[in-house]
């Protein structure tokens, strides 16, 4: 990578659900807040990944598992996620 020659390190982070004010305000389903990662833990994992000069990071075992399943079975994963999200939106809007 061209940036490596300049001494610059780039880390791409895919944090997944994180316990933040933004998530509290805009999440379709706040009942799962306890399952979200604490922002301090996400920050700690980012720090560790930066020290190890990793190129990508998916913090949290559950997030890594979800990402792996998504890579192995993208169609099934998309279908399940779409159904879950649409069900949550329907419940919030009072739809059928």
N, C-alpha and C. Protein backbone atom coordinates (compact mmCIF):
# COMPACT_ATOMS: atom_id res chain seq x y z
N UNK A 1 0.84 -1.18 0.00
CA UNK A 1 0.00 0.00 0.00
C UNK A 1 0.89 1.24 0.00
N UNK A 2 0.52 2.24 -0.76
CA UNK A 2 1.32 3.45 -0.89
C UNK A 2 1.52 4.16 0.44
N UNK A 3 0.53 4.12 1.31
CA UNK A 3 0.64 4.80 2.60
C UNK A 3 1.67 4.14 3.50
N UNK A 4 1.88 2.84 3.35
CA UNK A 4 2.84 2.13 4.19
C UNK A 4 4.25 2.69 4.00
N UNK A 5 4.58 3.08 2.79
CA UNK A 5 5.91 3.65 2.53
C UNK A 5 6.10 4.98 3.24
N UNK A 6 5.00 5.68 3.49
CA UNK A 6 5.10 6.98 4.15
C UNK A 6 5.12 6.84 5.67
N UNK A 7 4.95 5.61 6.17
CA UNK A 7 4.93 5.39 7.61
C UNK A 7 3.55 5.55 8.23
N UNK A 8 2.56 5.82 7.41
CA UNK A 8 1.19 5.99 7.89
C UNK A 8 0.50 4.63 7.94
N UNK A 9 -0.18 4.37 9.03
CA UNK A 9 -0.91 3.11 9.20
C UNK A 9 -2.40 3.40 9.13
N UNK A 10 -3.13 2.59 8.38
CA UNK A 10 -4.58 2.75 8.25
C UNK A 10 -5.26 1.51 8.81
N UNK A 11 -6.22 1.72 9.71
CA UNK A 11 -7.00 0.65 10.30
C UNK A 11 -8.46 0.90 9.97
N UNK A 12 -9.11 -0.07 9.33
CA UNK A 12 -10.54 0.02 9.05
C UNK A 12 -11.28 -0.74 10.13
N UNK A 13 -12.23 -0.06 10.79
CA UNK A 13 -12.95 -0.65 11.92
C UNK A 13 -14.42 -0.83 11.55
N UNK A 14 -14.94 -2.03 11.81
CA UNK A 14 -16.35 -2.35 11.63
C UNK A 14 -16.92 -2.63 13.02
N UNK A 15 -17.35 -1.59 13.74
CA UNK A 15 -17.63 -1.75 15.17
C UNK A 15 -18.89 -2.52 15.53
N UNK A 16 -19.87 -2.60 14.66
CA UNK A 16 -21.10 -3.27 15.05
C UNK A 16 -21.87 -2.44 16.08
N UNK A 17 -22.89 -3.02 16.70
CA UNK A 17 -23.71 -2.28 17.64
C UNK A 17 -22.91 -1.82 18.86
N UNK A 18 -22.91 -0.53 19.11
CA UNK A 18 -22.16 0.07 20.21
C UNK A 18 -23.11 0.89 21.07
N UNK A 19 -22.93 0.84 22.37
CA UNK A 19 -23.79 1.53 23.32
C UNK A 19 -23.46 3.03 23.31
N UNK A 20 -24.14 3.77 22.46
CA UNK A 20 -23.92 5.22 22.35
C UNK A 20 -25.26 5.94 22.40
N UNK A 21 -25.20 7.24 22.58
CA UNK A 21 -26.41 8.06 22.57
C UNK A 21 -27.09 7.97 21.20
N UNK A 22 -26.31 7.96 20.15
CA UNK A 22 -26.86 7.85 18.79
C UNK A 22 -27.67 6.55 18.66
N UNK A 23 -27.11 5.44 19.14
CA UNK A 23 -27.82 4.16 19.06
C UNK A 23 -29.10 4.19 19.89
N UNK A 24 -29.03 4.80 21.07
CA UNK A 24 -30.24 4.89 21.90
C UNK A 24 -31.34 5.67 21.19
N UNK A 25 -30.95 6.71 20.53
CA UNK A 25 -31.93 7.59 19.89
C UNK A 25 -32.51 6.99 18.61
N UNK A 26 -31.68 6.34 17.80
CA UNK A 26 -32.11 5.95 16.46
C UNK A 26 -32.28 4.45 16.23
N UNK A 27 -31.97 3.63 17.19
CA UNK A 27 -32.11 2.19 17.01
C UNK A 27 -33.58 1.81 16.90
N UNK A 28 -33.90 0.90 15.98
CA UNK A 28 -35.29 0.46 15.86
C UNK A 28 -35.78 -0.29 17.11
N UNK A 29 -34.86 -0.81 17.92
CA UNK A 29 -35.26 -1.62 19.08
C UNK A 29 -34.28 -1.40 20.22
N UNK A 30 -34.64 -0.55 21.17
CA UNK A 30 -33.73 -0.23 22.27
C UNK A 30 -33.67 -1.31 23.35
N UNK A 31 -34.49 -2.34 23.26
CA UNK A 31 -34.47 -3.38 24.28
C UNK A 31 -33.14 -4.13 24.28
N UNK A 32 -32.42 -4.08 23.22
CA UNK A 32 -31.16 -4.83 23.11
C UNK A 32 -29.94 -3.99 23.47
N UNK A 33 -30.14 -2.88 24.14
CA UNK A 33 -29.02 -2.00 24.45
C UNK A 33 -27.94 -2.72 25.26
N UNK A 34 -28.33 -3.58 26.17
CA UNK A 34 -27.36 -4.29 27.00
C UNK A 34 -26.45 -5.20 26.16
N UNK A 35 -26.90 -5.61 24.98
CA UNK A 35 -26.10 -6.48 24.13
C UNK A 35 -25.07 -5.70 23.32
N UNK A 36 -25.23 -4.39 23.24
CA UNK A 36 -24.27 -3.58 22.49
C UNK A 36 -22.96 -3.46 23.27
N UNK A 37 -21.87 -3.30 22.52
CA UNK A 37 -20.57 -3.16 23.16
C UNK A 37 -20.43 -1.78 23.79
N UNK A 38 -19.76 -1.74 24.92
CA UNK A 38 -19.45 -0.47 25.56
C UNK A 38 -18.45 0.28 24.68
N UNK A 39 -18.63 1.59 24.51
CA UNK A 39 -17.69 2.34 23.66
C UNK A 39 -16.25 2.27 24.16
N UNK A 40 -16.07 2.13 25.47
CA UNK A 40 -14.71 2.02 26.02
C UNK A 40 -14.05 0.73 25.56
N UNK A 41 -14.82 -0.34 25.46
CA UNK A 41 -14.26 -1.61 24.99
C UNK A 41 -13.90 -1.52 23.51
N UNK A 42 -14.77 -0.89 22.72
CA UNK A 42 -14.48 -0.70 21.30
C UNK A 42 -13.19 0.10 21.15
N UNK A 43 -13.07 1.19 21.93
CA UNK A 43 -11.87 2.03 21.86
C UNK A 43 -10.62 1.24 22.24
N UNK A 44 -10.73 0.41 23.27
CA UNK A 44 -9.59 -0.40 23.71
C UNK A 44 -9.16 -1.38 22.61
N UNK A 45 -10.13 -2.02 21.97
CA UNK A 45 -9.79 -2.95 20.89
C UNK A 45 -9.17 -2.22 19.70
N UNK A 46 -9.65 -1.01 19.43
CA UNK A 46 -9.05 -0.20 18.35
C UNK A 46 -7.60 0.13 18.70
N UNK A 47 -7.37 0.52 19.95
CA UNK A 47 -6.01 0.84 20.39
C UNK A 47 -5.09 -0.37 20.21
N UNK A 48 -5.55 -1.54 20.68
CA UNK A 48 -4.73 -2.74 20.56
C UNK A 48 -4.46 -3.09 19.10
N UNK A 49 -5.46 -2.98 18.25
CA UNK A 49 -5.29 -3.29 16.83
C UNK A 49 -4.31 -2.32 16.18
N UNK A 50 -4.36 -1.06 16.59
CA UNK A 50 -3.43 -0.06 16.06
C UNK A 50 -2.00 -0.40 16.47
N UNK A 51 -1.82 -0.79 17.73
CA UNK A 51 -0.48 -1.17 18.20
C UNK A 51 0.06 -2.38 17.44
N UNK A 52 -0.83 -3.29 17.04
CA UNK A 52 -0.41 -4.48 16.29
C UNK A 52 -0.35 -4.23 14.79
N UNK A 53 -0.68 -3.00 14.39
CA UNK A 53 -0.67 -2.60 12.98
C UNK A 53 -1.60 -3.48 12.13
N UNK A 54 -2.75 -3.85 12.70
CA UNK A 54 -3.75 -4.59 11.93
C UNK A 54 -4.32 -3.67 10.86
N UNK A 55 -4.83 -4.27 9.80
CA UNK A 55 -5.44 -3.48 8.73
C UNK A 55 -6.95 -3.36 8.90
N UNK A 56 -7.57 -4.39 9.48
CA UNK A 56 -9.02 -4.35 9.72
C UNK A 56 -9.31 -4.87 11.13
N UNK A 57 -10.45 -4.44 11.67
CA UNK A 57 -10.86 -4.87 13.00
C UNK A 57 -12.37 -4.96 13.06
N UNK A 58 -12.85 -6.08 13.57
CA UNK A 58 -14.27 -6.23 13.90
C UNK A 58 -14.29 -6.52 15.40
N UNK A 59 -14.53 -5.50 16.24
CA UNK A 59 -14.48 -5.71 17.69
C UNK A 59 -15.62 -6.59 18.18
N UNK A 60 -15.32 -7.48 19.11
CA UNK A 60 -16.34 -8.31 19.73
C UNK A 60 -16.52 -9.64 19.03
N UNK A 61 -16.56 -10.70 19.82
CA UNK A 61 -16.69 -12.05 19.26
C UNK A 61 -18.01 -12.22 18.51
N UNK A 62 -19.09 -11.68 19.05
CA UNK A 62 -20.39 -11.79 18.38
C UNK A 62 -20.40 -11.11 17.03
N UNK A 63 -19.76 -9.95 16.95
CA UNK A 63 -19.68 -9.22 15.68
C UNK A 63 -18.84 -9.99 14.67
N UNK A 64 -17.73 -10.58 15.13
CA UNK A 64 -16.89 -11.37 14.23
C UNK A 64 -17.64 -12.60 13.73
N UNK A 65 -18.41 -13.24 14.62
CA UNK A 65 -19.20 -14.40 14.21
C UNK A 65 -20.24 -14.00 13.17
N UNK A 66 -20.93 -12.90 13.42
CA UNK A 66 -21.94 -12.42 12.45
C UNK A 66 -21.30 -12.14 11.10
N UNK A 67 -20.14 -11.50 11.11
CA UNK A 67 -19.46 -11.19 9.86
C UNK A 67 -19.04 -12.46 9.12
N UNK A 68 -18.57 -13.45 9.86
CA UNK A 68 -18.16 -14.72 9.24
C UNK A 68 -19.34 -15.44 8.62
N UNK A 69 -20.46 -15.49 9.35
CA UNK A 69 -21.66 -16.13 8.82
C UNK A 69 -22.12 -15.39 7.57
N UNK A 70 -22.05 -14.06 7.60
CA UNK A 70 -22.44 -13.26 6.45
C UNK A 70 -21.59 -13.53 5.23
N UNK A 71 -20.30 -13.81 5.44
CA UNK A 71 -19.43 -14.13 4.32
C UNK A 71 -19.70 -15.53 3.78
N UNK A 72 -20.00 -16.46 4.68
CA UNK A 72 -20.25 -17.84 4.26
C UNK A 72 -21.61 -18.03 3.60
N UNK A 73 -22.61 -17.31 4.12
CA UNK A 73 -23.99 -17.46 3.63
C UNK A 73 -24.63 -16.09 3.45
N UNK A 74 -24.18 -15.30 2.48
CA UNK A 74 -24.67 -13.92 2.36
C UNK A 74 -26.17 -13.82 2.09
N UNK A 75 -26.71 -14.68 1.26
CA UNK A 75 -28.14 -14.60 0.94
C UNK A 75 -29.01 -14.88 2.15
N UNK A 76 -28.68 -15.93 2.88
CA UNK A 76 -29.44 -16.29 4.08
C UNK A 76 -29.32 -15.19 5.13
N UNK A 77 -28.11 -14.68 5.33
CA UNK A 77 -27.89 -13.63 6.32
C UNK A 77 -28.68 -12.38 5.97
N UNK A 78 -28.65 -11.99 4.71
CA UNK A 78 -29.40 -10.81 4.28
C UNK A 78 -30.89 -11.00 4.51
N UNK A 79 -31.40 -12.17 4.20
CA UNK A 79 -32.82 -12.45 4.39
C UNK A 79 -33.22 -12.37 5.86
N UNK A 80 -32.42 -12.97 6.73
CA UNK A 80 -32.71 -12.95 8.17
C UNK A 80 -32.65 -11.52 8.70
N UNK A 81 -31.62 -10.77 8.32
CA UNK A 81 -31.48 -9.40 8.81
C UNK A 81 -32.60 -8.51 8.29
N UNK A 82 -32.96 -8.68 7.04
CA UNK A 82 -34.04 -7.87 6.47
C UNK A 82 -35.35 -8.15 7.21
N UNK A 83 -35.64 -9.43 7.41
CA UNK A 83 -36.88 -9.81 8.11
C UNK A 83 -36.89 -9.24 9.53
N UNK A 84 -35.78 -9.36 10.24
CA UNK A 84 -35.71 -8.86 11.62
C UNK A 84 -35.89 -7.35 11.66
N UNK A 85 -35.24 -6.65 10.76
CA UNK A 85 -35.34 -5.19 10.74
C UNK A 85 -36.75 -4.74 10.37
N UNK A 86 -37.32 -5.36 9.35
CA UNK A 86 -38.68 -4.98 8.95
C UNK A 86 -39.70 -5.29 10.04
N UNK A 87 -39.52 -6.41 10.75
CA UNK A 87 -40.41 -6.73 11.87
C UNK A 87 -40.32 -5.67 12.95
N UNK A 88 -39.12 -5.22 13.26
CA UNK A 88 -38.95 -4.18 14.29
C UNK A 88 -39.60 -2.87 13.86
N UNK A 89 -39.40 -2.52 12.61
CA UNK A 89 -39.99 -1.27 12.10
C UNK A 89 -41.52 -1.37 12.13
N UNK A 90 -42.06 -2.52 11.73
CA UNK A 90 -43.52 -2.72 11.77
C UNK A 90 -44.05 -2.59 13.18
N UNK A 91 -43.35 -3.18 14.16
CA UNK A 91 -43.81 -3.09 15.55
C UNK A 91 -43.81 -1.65 16.04
N UNK A 92 -42.79 -0.89 15.67
CA UNK A 92 -42.71 0.51 16.11
C UNK A 92 -43.79 1.36 15.47
N UNK A 93 -44.12 1.05 14.22
CA UNK A 93 -45.10 1.88 13.50
C UNK A 93 -46.53 1.39 13.70
N UNK A 94 -46.69 0.26 14.38
CA UNK A 94 -48.03 -0.28 14.60
C UNK A 94 -48.58 -1.00 13.40
N UNK A 95 -47.70 -1.36 12.46
CA UNK A 95 -48.12 -2.06 11.23
C UNK A 95 -48.49 -3.49 11.50
N UNK A 96 -48.99 -4.15 10.47
CA UNK A 96 -49.43 -5.55 10.60
C UNK A 96 -48.26 -6.48 10.60
